[in-house]
Amino acid sequence: MSTEDIDERFSCLQKFVGAARQNLEDGPWDYLFGGAETETTQKRNRMAIDRYAFRPRVMRDVTGLDASTELLGRKLRLPVILAPIGSLQQLYSEGGAGVSQAAGEFGCVHMLSSVCDPGLEAVAKAAPDAARMFQLYVRGNAAWIDDHIRRAVDNGYMAFSFTIDLDHYSRRERDISRGFKSKSRSTQAVGEEFQAMFNWDDFKRIRDKWDIPLALKGIATAEDTAIAVEHGCDIVYVSNHGGRQLDHGRGGMDVLAECVAAADGKAKVVLDGGIMRGTDIVKAKILGADAVGIGRLQGFAYAAAGRPGVVRMLELLEIEVRTCLALLGVINYAGLEAAHLYREDSVVKMPHPISAFPLLDEGYN
């Protein structure tokens, strides 16, 4: 499919959802779409975003719009990290390689999951110039961890991340009810006790030994943000695993401000959880995030049209971000202020993963 065909077929972000549903069997779709137990945390991710309204300023010169940013010394076209998804290969055959290539082509970051095919080295070979981070589920001892860090350093990954909100695998009832087990889940089940034991002393040992930016993904409180910064964490990744781990948690954007304050400029702060629109990215930036992580929307785009679909999704997000900045009366993120946001009631009474796309009915779930 040519670039023109992709642009025409996917004229707006909602188009990816229908195409992804058509391409995916029920099991992989539920794995991508669903959350844990009652899916309350997942719903709160969208609710937290929706409850912020904009206060635009007018009569400003908004020529020269710039939606780019810098993260860890890399210039990015958007402040976006394509978040780690463990079973990308079940969404599209190229797995992590295709998403890293898309990140490189567009100009953002891909964080590769350690339980994603075709693996650390193969993805680096497929996308050598892309801004790549590596995410690890701890499934071995100190030597096992060090081996993964060494391989990431040797293969040009710009940062190394530990997911820390998966000490116990959640009950994802969409998967359970269908008897679906993702390939990544089968891999994760081996050595889970090492993740359960992983603690701040382990992180200190790693920080003392390795000279690579380190991220902790799954932080959801100011208290843990402060501890992470004290231990030399470079990126505090605020996340509730897309509502797929602890149920009845807070929405990610409701947690963001306290984590930014606790980081106090000593670490970068990334937010994920329910990010679906360019306006969501701008809200996160106003509240102090250095970048956002995008998971489900990435999955929809990849399942819909592979690598070109992810590139097109990012292009549409960029259009929405630029439009939002201009209509707020600024030309870049530096012009954003706390006064650009106001807390309001959500207009969505029952949020869900695709409630950001009101032209779609809820039959997809």
Protein backbone atom coordinates (compact mmCIF):
# COMPACT_ATOMS: atom_id res chain seq x y z
CA MET A 1 0.00 0.00 0.00
CA SER A 2 1.43 3.39 -1.04
CA THR A 3 1.81 6.39 1.27
CA GLU A 4 -1.06 8.10 -0.53
CA ASP A 5 -3.28 5.06 -0.03
CA ILE A 6 -2.38 4.94 3.69
CA ASP A 7 -3.12 8.66 4.07
CA GLU A 8 -6.47 8.30 2.33
CA ARG A 9 -7.51 5.15 4.18
CA PHE A 10 -6.50 6.53 7.58
CA SER A 11 -7.65 10.14 7.43
CA CYS A 12 -8.18 10.33 11.19
CA LEU A 13 -7.11 8.32 14.22
CA GLN A 14 -10.41 6.49 14.76
CA LYS A 15 -9.97 4.68 11.44
CA PHE A 16 -7.25 2.49 12.95
CA VAL A 17 -9.62 0.97 15.48
CA GLY A 18 -12.03 -0.58 12.98
CA ALA A 19 -9.22 -1.87 10.79
CA ALA A 20 -7.44 -3.40 13.78
CA ARG A 21 -10.61 -5.14 14.94
CA GLN A 22 -11.13 -6.56 11.46
CA ASN A 23 -7.58 -7.89 11.29
CA LEU A 24 -7.33 -9.40 14.77
CA GLU A 25 -8.86 -12.56 16.14
CA ASP A 26 -10.80 -12.28 19.40
CA GLY A 27 -7.90 -13.31 21.65
CA PRO A 28 -5.29 -10.78 20.48
CA TRP A 29 -7.99 -8.08 20.29
CA ASP A 30 -9.02 -8.61 23.91
CA TYR A 31 -5.36 -8.68 24.96
CA LEU A 32 -4.88 -5.25 23.36
CA PHE A 33 -8.22 -3.74 24.32
CA GLY A 34 -8.83 -5.02 27.84
CA GLY A 35 -7.79 -4.28 31.40
CA ALA A 36 -7.75 -6.02 34.77
CA GLU A 37 -10.85 -7.32 36.57
CA THR A 38 -13.54 -4.57 36.52
CA GLU A 39 -11.36 -2.42 34.22
CA THR A 40 -11.93 0.54 36.56
CA THR A 41 -8.31 1.75 36.41
CA GLN A 42 -8.43 1.59 32.64
CA LYS A 43 -11.59 3.72 32.57
CA ARG A 44 -10.08 6.21 35.02
CA ASN A 45 -7.14 6.76 32.70
CA ARG A 46 -9.49 8.30 30.13
CA MET A 47 -11.59 10.03 32.78
CA ALA A 48 -8.50 11.71 34.25
CA ILE A 49 -7.59 13.10 30.83
CA ASP A 50 -11.14 14.18 29.98
CA ARG A 51 -11.56 16.15 33.20
CA TYR A 52 -9.03 18.74 32.11
CA ALA A 53 -10.40 21.56 29.94
CA PHE A 54 -8.35 24.13 28.06
CA ARG A 55 -8.22 27.88 28.66
CA PRO A 56 -7.03 29.22 25.28
CA ARG A 57 -5.42 32.61 24.70
CA VAL A 58 -6.12 34.52 21.50
CA MET A 59 -4.59 37.26 19.35
CA ARG A 60 -1.16 35.66 19.49
CA ASP A 61 1.23 35.19 16.58
CA VAL A 62 1.27 31.42 16.16
CA THR A 63 3.34 31.17 13.01
CA GLY A 64 6.40 28.97 13.32
CA LEU A 65 4.72 26.09 15.18
CA ASP A 66 7.11 23.48 16.58
CA ALA A 67 5.82 20.23 18.13
CA SER A 68 9.29 18.72 18.61
CA THR A 69 11.18 18.20 21.84
CA GLU A 70 14.43 16.74 23.19
CA LEU A 71 14.78 13.71 25.43
CA LEU A 72 18.08 12.38 26.75
CA GLY A 73 19.93 14.39 24.12
CA ARG A 74 17.83 13.12 21.20
CA LYS A 75 15.73 15.49 19.09
CA LEU A 76 12.24 14.05 18.71
CA ARG A 77 9.55 15.13 16.27
CA LEU A 78 6.95 14.54 19.02
CA PRO A 79 7.37 13.93 22.77
CA VAL A 80 6.22 10.34 22.28
CA ILE A 81 7.56 6.97 23.39
CA LEU A 82 5.93 4.01 21.70
CA ALA A 83 5.36 2.05 24.89
CA PRO A 84 6.48 -1.57 25.29
CA ILE A 85 3.90 -4.13 24.15
CA GLY A 86 4.84 -7.71 24.88
CA SER A 87 3.04 -9.45 22.05
CA LEU A 88 3.48 -7.10 19.12
CA GLN A 89 4.13 -10.13 16.95
CA GLN A 90 0.53 -11.21 17.57
CA LEU A 91 -0.70 -7.86 16.31
CA TYR A 92 1.51 -7.81 13.19
CA SER A 93 4.07 -10.29 11.97
CA GLU A 94 7.12 -7.99 12.09
CA GLY A 95 6.81 -7.62 15.86
CA GLY A 96 9.11 -5.14 17.59
CA ALA A 97 11.24 -4.61 14.49
CA GLY A 98 8.42 -2.92 12.57
CA VAL A 99 7.55 -0.55 15.41
CA SER A 100 11.19 0.45 15.93
CA GLN A 101 11.48 1.11 12.21
CA ALA A 102 8.35 3.26 12.36
CA ALA A 103 9.78 5.22 15.30
CA GLY A 104 12.98 5.80 13.36
CA GLU A 105 11.14 6.84 10.21
CA PHE A 106 8.92 9.32 12.03
CA GLY A 107 11.32 10.54 14.70
CA CYS A 108 10.16 9.38 18.13
CA VAL A 109 11.23 6.69 20.62
CA HIS A 110 10.34 3.01 20.75
CA MET A 111 10.69 1.16 24.05
CA LEU A 112 11.06 -2.51 23.16
CA SER A 113 9.57 -5.08 25.51
CA SER A 114 11.83 -7.91 26.64
CA VAL A 115 9.03 -10.37 25.81
CA CYS A 116 8.57 -9.11 22.27
CA ASP A 117 9.87 -10.87 19.19
CA PRO A 118 12.26 -10.82 17.38
CA GLY A 119 14.38 -9.75 20.35
CA LEU A 120 16.89 -7.15 21.41
CA GLU A 121 19.63 -7.74 18.84
CA ALA A 122 17.37 -8.37 15.85
CA VAL A 123 15.39 -5.19 16.47
CA ALA A 124 18.59 -3.16 16.77
CA LYS A 125 19.78 -4.61 13.47
CA ALA A 126 16.45 -3.84 11.79
CA ALA A 127 16.31 -0.24 13.07
CA PRO A 128 19.90 0.81 13.82
CA ASP A 129 19.26 4.56 13.65
CA ALA A 130 16.02 4.63 15.61
CA ALA A 131 15.81 6.06 19.13
CA ARG A 132 15.38 2.80 21.02
CA MET A 133 14.93 2.02 24.70
CA PHE A 134 14.79 -1.48 26.18
CA GLN A 135 12.29 -2.61 28.82
CA LEU A 136 12.96 -5.59 31.06
CA TYR A 137 10.75 -7.88 33.11
CA VAL A 138 13.09 -9.27 35.76
CA ARG A 139 13.20 -13.03 35.31
CA GLY A 140 16.66 -13.85 36.62
CA ASN A 141 19.39 -12.98 39.10
CA ALA A 142 21.87 -10.11 39.06
CA ALA A 143 24.04 -11.75 36.42
CA TRP A 144 20.98 -12.29 34.22
CA ILE A 145 20.01 -8.62 34.56
CA ASP A 146 23.56 -7.45 33.84
CA ASP A 147 23.67 -9.57 30.71
CA HIS A 148 20.56 -7.83 29.36
CA ILE A 149 21.92 -4.38 30.18
CA ARG A 150 25.25 -5.20 28.52
CA ARG A 151 23.49 -6.40 25.38
CA ALA A 152 21.33 -3.26 25.31
CA VAL A 153 24.39 -1.02 25.64
CA ASP A 154 26.27 -2.96 22.96
CA ASN A 155 23.31 -2.64 20.59
CA GLY A 156 22.84 1.10 20.90
CA TYR A 157 19.76 1.35 23.12
CA MET A 158 19.58 4.88 24.53
CA ALA A 159 18.06 3.88 27.90
CA PHE A 160 17.16 0.81 29.93
CA SER A 161 13.83 0.46 31.72
CA PHE A 162 12.53 -1.85 34.42
CA THR A 163 8.80 -2.46 34.67
CA ILE A 164 8.02 -2.46 38.41
CA ASP A 165 4.23 -2.81 38.62
CA LEU A 166 4.09 -6.49 37.69
CA ASP A 167 5.19 -8.23 40.88
CA HIS A 168 2.11 -10.38 40.45
CA TYR A 169 0.34 -10.95 37.15
CA SER A 170 -3.19 -9.52 37.20
CA ARG A 171 -6.48 -11.20 36.37
CA ARG A 172 -7.38 -9.96 32.91
CA GLU A 173 -10.82 -11.42 32.59
CA ARG A 174 -11.23 -10.85 28.87
CA ASP A 175 -8.23 -13.15 28.34
CA ILE A 176 -9.29 -15.61 31.04
CA SER A 177 -12.86 -15.95 29.76
CA ARG A 178 -11.63 -16.83 26.26
CA GLY A 179 -8.79 -19.05 27.47
CA PHE A 180 -6.34 -16.80 25.63
CA LYS A 181 -2.69 -16.74 26.65
CA SER A 182 -0.40 -14.36 24.79
CA LYS A 183 3.06 -15.50 23.75
CA SER A 184 4.53 -12.86 26.04
CA ARG A 185 2.56 -14.23 29.01
CA SER A 186 3.96 -17.71 28.39
CA THR A 187 7.46 -16.21 28.43
CA GLN A 188 6.79 -14.04 31.50
CA ALA A 189 5.61 -16.97 33.60
CA VAL A 190 9.15 -18.37 33.83
CA GLY A 191 11.10 -16.85 36.73
CA GLU A 192 8.35 -14.58 38.05
CA GLU A 193 9.76 -14.89 41.57
CA PHE A 194 12.72 -12.69 40.55
CA GLN A 195 10.35 -9.82 39.66
CA ALA A 196 8.57 -10.25 43.00
CA MET A 197 11.91 -9.92 44.84
CA PHE A 198 13.22 -6.93 42.82
CA ASN A 199 13.75 -3.96 45.17
CA TRP A 200 15.50 -0.65 45.72
CA ASP A 201 18.77 -2.32 46.77
CA ASP A 202 18.83 -4.14 43.43
CA PHE A 203 18.26 -0.90 41.59
CA LYS A 204 21.07 0.82 43.55
CA ARG A 205 23.45 -1.98 42.58
CA ILE A 206 22.52 -1.52 38.93
CA ARG A 207 22.81 2.27 39.12
CA ASP A 208 26.25 2.02 40.70
CA LYS A 209 27.48 -0.42 38.05
CA TRP A 210 26.03 0.81 34.76
CA ASP A 211 26.44 4.11 32.93
CA ILE A 212 23.23 4.13 30.91
CA PRO A 213 20.09 6.19 31.57
CA LEU A 214 17.72 4.10 33.69
CA ALA A 215 13.92 4.27 33.78
CA LEU A 216 11.45 2.82 36.25
CA LYS A 217 8.09 2.13 34.61
CA GLY A 218 5.06 1.73 36.83
CA ILE A 219 5.47 4.51 39.39
CA ALA A 220 2.13 5.87 40.62
CA THR A 221 2.87 8.00 43.71
CA ALA A 222 4.93 10.99 44.76
CA GLU A 223 6.52 8.86 47.48
CA ASP A 224 7.98 6.32 45.06
CA THR A 225 9.00 9.10 42.68
CA ALA A 226 11.10 10.66 45.45
CA ILE A 227 12.73 7.31 46.27
CA ALA A 228 13.46 6.69 42.58
CA VAL A 229 15.15 10.07 42.23
CA GLU A 230 17.19 9.46 45.39
CA HIS A 231 18.44 6.22 43.83
CA GLY A 232 19.56 7.91 40.63
CA CYS A 233 16.64 7.10 38.34
CA ASP A 234 16.86 9.13 35.14
CA ILE A 235 13.27 8.62 33.92
CA VAL A 236 10.28 8.29 36.23
CA TYR A 237 7.74 6.55 34.03
CA VAL A 238 4.31 7.22 35.55
CA SER A 239 2.07 4.33 34.56
CA ASN A 240 -0.56 1.89 35.80
CA HIS A 241 0.17 -0.53 32.95
CA GLY A 242 -2.76 0.82 30.96
CA GLY A 243 -5.14 -0.35 33.67
CA ARG A 244 -3.97 -3.92 33.13
CA GLN A 245 -2.44 -4.59 36.56
CA LEU A 246 -3.86 -3.12 39.80
CA ASP A 247 -7.58 -2.55 39.44
CA HIS A 248 -9.27 0.44 41.13
CA GLY A 249 -6.16 2.57 40.81
CA ARG A 250 -6.06 6.26 39.96
CA GLY A 251 -5.98 7.57 36.42
CA GLY A 252 -2.48 8.30 35.17
CA MET A 253 -3.01 12.01 34.56
CA ASP A 254 -4.42 12.41 38.07
CA VAL A 255 -1.10 11.09 39.42
CA LEU A 256 1.16 13.08 37.10
CA ALA A 257 1.34 16.44 38.91
CA GLU A 258 2.41 14.95 42.24
CA CYS A 259 5.10 12.86 40.56
CA VAL A 260 6.42 15.85 38.62
CA ALA A 261 6.62 17.85 41.86
CA ALA A 262 8.42 15.01 43.65
CA ALA A 263 10.90 14.60 40.80
CA ASP A 264 11.74 18.29 41.20
CA GLY A 265 13.58 18.47 37.89
CA LYS A 266 16.06 15.77 38.93
CA ALA A 267 14.60 13.16 36.56
CA LYS A 268 12.59 13.17 33.38
CA VAL A 269 8.93 12.25 33.81
CA VAL A 270 6.97 10.19 31.28
CA LEU A 271 3.22 9.53 31.46
CA ASP A 272 1.19 6.79 29.85
CA GLY A 273 -2.34 5.51 30.32
CA GLY A 274 -5.18 6.32 27.94
CA ILE A 275 -3.28 8.68 25.63
CA MET A 276 -5.23 8.68 22.37
CA ARG A 277 -5.24 12.25 20.99
CA GLY A 278 -2.90 15.13 20.35
CA THR A 279 -4.78 17.14 22.97
CA ASP A 280 -3.91 14.42 25.51
CA ILE A 281 -0.21 14.96 24.78
CA VAL A 282 -0.54 18.72 25.23
CA LYS A 283 -2.36 18.29 28.55
CA ALA A 284 0.43 16.02 29.78
CA LYS A 285 3.04 18.57 28.75
CA ILE A 286 1.19 21.35 30.59
CA LEU A 287 1.17 19.21 33.73
CA GLY A 288 4.93 18.71 33.50
CA ALA A 289 5.52 15.49 31.57
CA ASP A 290 8.61 15.43 29.38
CA ALA A 291 7.02 12.82 27.10
CA VAL A 292 4.08 10.44 26.91
CA GLY A 293 3.95 6.72 26.31
CA ILE A 294 1.45 5.39 23.78
CA GLY A 295 0.40 1.76 23.98
CA ARG A 296 -3.09 0.83 22.77
CA LEU A 297 -3.18 3.43 20.00
CA GLN A 298 0.15 2.10 18.79
CA GLY A 299 -1.33 -1.40 18.85
CA PHE A 300 -4.42 -0.35 16.89
CA ALA A 301 -2.29 1.31 14.21
CA TYR A 302 0.13 -1.61 13.97
CA ALA A 303 -2.62 -4.21 13.73
CA ALA A 304 -4.41 -2.07 11.16
CA ALA A 305 -1.53 -1.46 8.75
CA GLY A 306 1.85 -2.56 10.12
CA ARG A 307 4.81 -0.19 10.12
CA PRO A 308 3.21 2.36 7.72
CA GLY A 309 0.17 2.44 9.99
CA VAL A 310 2.28 3.40 13.01
CA VAL A 311 4.00 6.16 11.02
CA ARG A 312 0.63 7.47 9.84
CA MET A 313 -0.75 7.38 13.39
CA LEU A 314 2.17 9.51 14.57
CA GLU A 315 1.64 11.95 11.69
CA LEU A 316 -1.99 12.40 12.69
CA LEU A 317 -1.01 12.93 16.33
CA GLU A 318 1.44 15.59 15.19
CA ILE A 319 -1.32 17.37 13.25
CA GLU A 320 -3.54 17.32 16.32
CA VAL A 321 -0.75 18.58 18.61
CA ARG A 322 0.12 21.43 16.27
CA THR A 323 -3.55 22.38 15.96
CA CYS A 324 -3.97 22.35 19.74
CA LEU A 325 -0.88 24.47 20.35
CA ALA A 326 -1.96 27.07 17.82
CA LEU A 327 -5.49 27.30 19.22
CA LEU A 328 -4.10 27.70 22.74
CA GLY A 329 -2.08 30.66 21.45
CA VAL A 330 1.42 29.19 21.68
CA ILE A 331 3.94 27.94 19.15
CA ASN A 332 5.77 25.36 21.27
CA TYR A 333 5.67 23.58 24.62
CA ALA A 334 7.70 26.31 26.33
CA GLY A 335 4.72 28.63 25.88
CA LEU A 336 2.38 26.37 27.84
CA GLU A 337 1.42 27.36 31.38
CA ALA A 338 -0.63 25.86 34.19
CA ALA A 339 -3.24 28.54 33.46
CA HIS A 340 -3.96 26.86 30.13
CA LEU A 341 -5.80 24.08 32.01
CA TYR A 342 -8.94 24.05 34.13
CA ARG A 343 -10.59 21.15 35.95
CA GLU A 344 -14.06 20.39 34.60
CA ASP A 345 -16.58 17.58 34.69
CA SER A 346 -15.97 14.91 32.09
CA VAL A 347 -18.44 14.90 29.22
CA VAL A 348 -18.00 11.13 28.91
CA LYS A 349 -20.18 9.44 31.51
CA MET A 350 -18.71 5.97 31.05
CA PRO A 351 -15.19 6.19 29.57
CA HIS A 352 -13.62 3.21 27.84
CA PRO A 353 -10.48 2.61 25.75
CA ILE A 354 -11.91 4.18 22.58
CA SER A 355 -14.18 6.83 24.10
CA ALA A 356 -11.72 9.38 22.69
CA PHE A 357 -13.28 8.51 19.32
CA PRO A 358 -16.98 9.38 19.72
CA LEU A 359 -17.90 8.47 16.14
CA LEU A 360 -17.24 4.82 16.97
CA ASP A 361 -19.91 2.87 18.77
CA GLU A 362 -19.04 0.77 21.80
CA GLY A 363 -19.56 -2.51 19.98
CA TYR A 364 -15.80 -2.98 19.65
CA ASN A 365 -15.46 -4.15 23.25
